Amino acid sequence: HQEAVHLRLGQRDQVRRLADAELARPGSAKSRSRGVAMCLLAEIAEPRRRASLLLEAVGVLRLTGDRLELARALAALSSAQRAIGEAELARRALYQALHLADVCGAEHLRPSLS
């Protein structure tokens, strides 16, 4: 995704423009691209909005069957929930992320998820 490159370069407006375009694309309601775009928008959002976007992204990614992206989204959701004081929800999301990483055979991601 181009959005991720722009995010790493600190180009927040470009991230927002590209992600918004992906979200507006017809037929993207249940696509992996939509879930990933929502995760990228969440990275540039204020804390409460971040948690909301990530919760929605998790729902979309669950439908796509992409367990690896779902694990990443759950880990990000955990971090966002912790930042707004939702410790129990954060623990649950992190547990799910770590479990999915194991199921996917992506144990190498465990350190970056927690």
Protein backbone atom coordinates (compact mmCIF):
# COMPACT_ATOMS: atom_id res chain seq x y z
CA HIS A 1 0.00 0.00 0.00
CA GLN A 2 1.22 3.46 -0.90
CA GLU A 3 -0.37 4.73 2.31
CA ALA A 4 2.17 2.86 4.45
CA VAL A 5 5.08 4.43 2.59
CA HIS A 6 3.65 7.92 3.04
CA LEU A 7 3.01 7.19 6.71
CA ARG A 8 6.65 6.20 7.24
CA LEU A 9 7.67 9.44 5.51
CA GLY A 10 5.39 11.47 7.77
CA GLN A 11 3.09 12.54 4.94
CA ARG A 12 -0.16 12.42 6.90
CA ASP A 13 -2.28 14.32 4.36
CA GLN A 14 -1.22 11.95 1.60
CA VAL A 15 -2.05 8.96 3.84
CA ARG A 16 -5.49 10.39 4.52
CA ARG A 17 -6.15 11.12 0.83
CA LEU A 18 -5.13 7.66 -0.35
CA ALA A 19 -6.91 5.81 2.45
CA ASP A 20 -10.09 7.85 1.93
CA ALA A 21 -9.97 7.00 -1.77
CA GLU A 22 -9.68 3.30 -0.93
CA LEU A 23 -12.61 3.52 1.47
CA ALA A 24 -14.75 5.28 -1.15
CA ARG A 25 -14.01 2.65 -3.80
CA PRO A 26 -17.14 0.71 -4.79
CA GLY A 27 -17.20 -2.85 -3.52
CA SER A 28 -14.59 -2.32 -0.83
CA ALA A 29 -16.98 -2.73 2.12
CA LYS A 30 -15.66 -6.18 3.06
CA SER A 31 -12.25 -6.14 1.45
CA ARG A 32 -8.81 -6.62 2.97
CA SER A 33 -7.77 -3.31 1.41
CA ARG A 34 -10.53 -1.53 3.30
CA GLY A 35 -9.40 -3.04 6.61
CA VAL A 36 -5.78 -2.08 5.97
CA ALA A 37 -6.78 1.45 4.90
CA MET A 38 -8.75 1.86 8.13
CA CYS A 39 -5.73 0.73 10.14
CA LEU A 40 -3.58 3.33 8.40
CA LEU A 41 -6.14 6.08 9.02
CA ALA A 42 -6.19 5.01 12.66
CA GLU A 43 -2.45 5.63 12.92
CA ILE A 44 -2.97 9.32 12.19
CA ALA A 45 -6.18 9.74 14.21
CA GLU A 46 -6.65 11.06 17.73
CA PRO A 47 -6.81 8.32 20.40
CA ARG A 48 -10.60 7.78 20.68
CA ARG A 49 -11.08 7.87 16.91
CA ARG A 50 -8.10 5.52 16.54
CA ALA A 51 -9.77 2.90 18.72
CA SER A 52 -13.05 3.26 16.83
CA LEU A 53 -11.39 2.91 13.41
CA LEU A 54 -9.39 -0.10 14.55
CA LEU A 55 -12.47 -1.79 15.98
CA GLU A 56 -14.18 -1.37 12.63
CA ALA A 57 -11.05 -2.56 10.78
CA VAL A 58 -10.96 -5.69 12.95
CA GLY A 59 -14.56 -6.42 11.96
CA VAL A 60 -13.76 -6.04 8.27
CA LEU A 61 -10.58 -8.12 8.48
CA ARG A 62 -12.42 -10.92 10.30
CA LEU A 63 -14.66 -11.21 7.23
CA THR A 64 -11.71 -11.40 4.82
CA GLY A 65 -9.99 -14.33 6.50
CA ASP A 66 -6.60 -12.58 6.50
CA ARG A 67 -5.45 -13.73 9.92
CA LEU A 68 -2.10 -11.99 9.77
CA GLU A 69 -3.57 -8.53 9.05
CA LEU A 70 -6.22 -9.25 11.67
CA ALA A 71 -3.51 -10.02 14.23
CA ARG A 72 -1.79 -6.73 13.42
CA ALA A 73 -5.07 -4.80 13.66
CA LEU A 74 -5.90 -6.45 17.00
CA ALA A 75 -2.47 -5.54 18.37
CA ALA A 76 -2.96 -1.93 17.25
CA LEU A 77 -6.45 -1.95 18.77
CA SER A 78 -5.00 -3.21 22.04
CA SER A 79 -2.52 -0.35 22.09
CA ALA A 80 -5.23 2.20 21.26
CA GLN A 81 -7.54 0.84 23.96
CA ARG A 82 -4.75 0.91 26.53
CA ALA A 83 -4.07 4.57 25.59
CA ILE A 84 -7.65 5.55 26.40
CA GLY A 85 -7.81 3.59 29.65
CA GLU A 86 -9.69 0.50 28.47
CA ALA A 87 -7.24 -1.96 30.03
CA GLU A 88 -9.46 -5.07 30.04
CA LEU A 89 -10.50 -4.64 26.41
CA ALA A 90 -6.84 -4.02 25.53
CA ARG A 91 -5.81 -7.28 27.20
CA ARG A 92 -8.45 -9.24 25.28
CA ALA A 93 -7.44 -7.74 21.93
CA LEU A 94 -3.76 -8.45 22.61
CA TYR A 95 -4.54 -12.04 23.61
CA GLN A 96 -6.44 -12.53 20.34
CA ALA A 97 -3.58 -10.97 18.35
CA LEU A 98 -0.98 -13.25 19.94
CA HIS A 99 -3.19 -16.31 19.47
CA LEU A 100 -3.70 -15.50 15.78
CA ALA A 101 0.04 -15.02 15.28
CA ASP A 102 0.57 -18.50 16.71
CA VAL A 103 -2.20 -20.01 14.56
CA CYS A 104 -0.71 -18.40 11.44
CA GLY A 105 2.71 -19.77 12.24
CA ALA A 106 3.93 -16.19 12.61
CA GLU A 107 5.48 -16.55 16.06
CA HIS A 108 8.26 -14.22 14.89
CA LEU A 109 5.68 -11.42 15.02
CA ARG A 110 4.88 -11.95 18.70
CA PRO A 111 7.44 -9.40 19.96
CA SER A 112 6.14 -6.70 17.60
CA LEU A 113 2.52 -7.41 18.56
CA SER A 114 2.92 -7.01 22.30
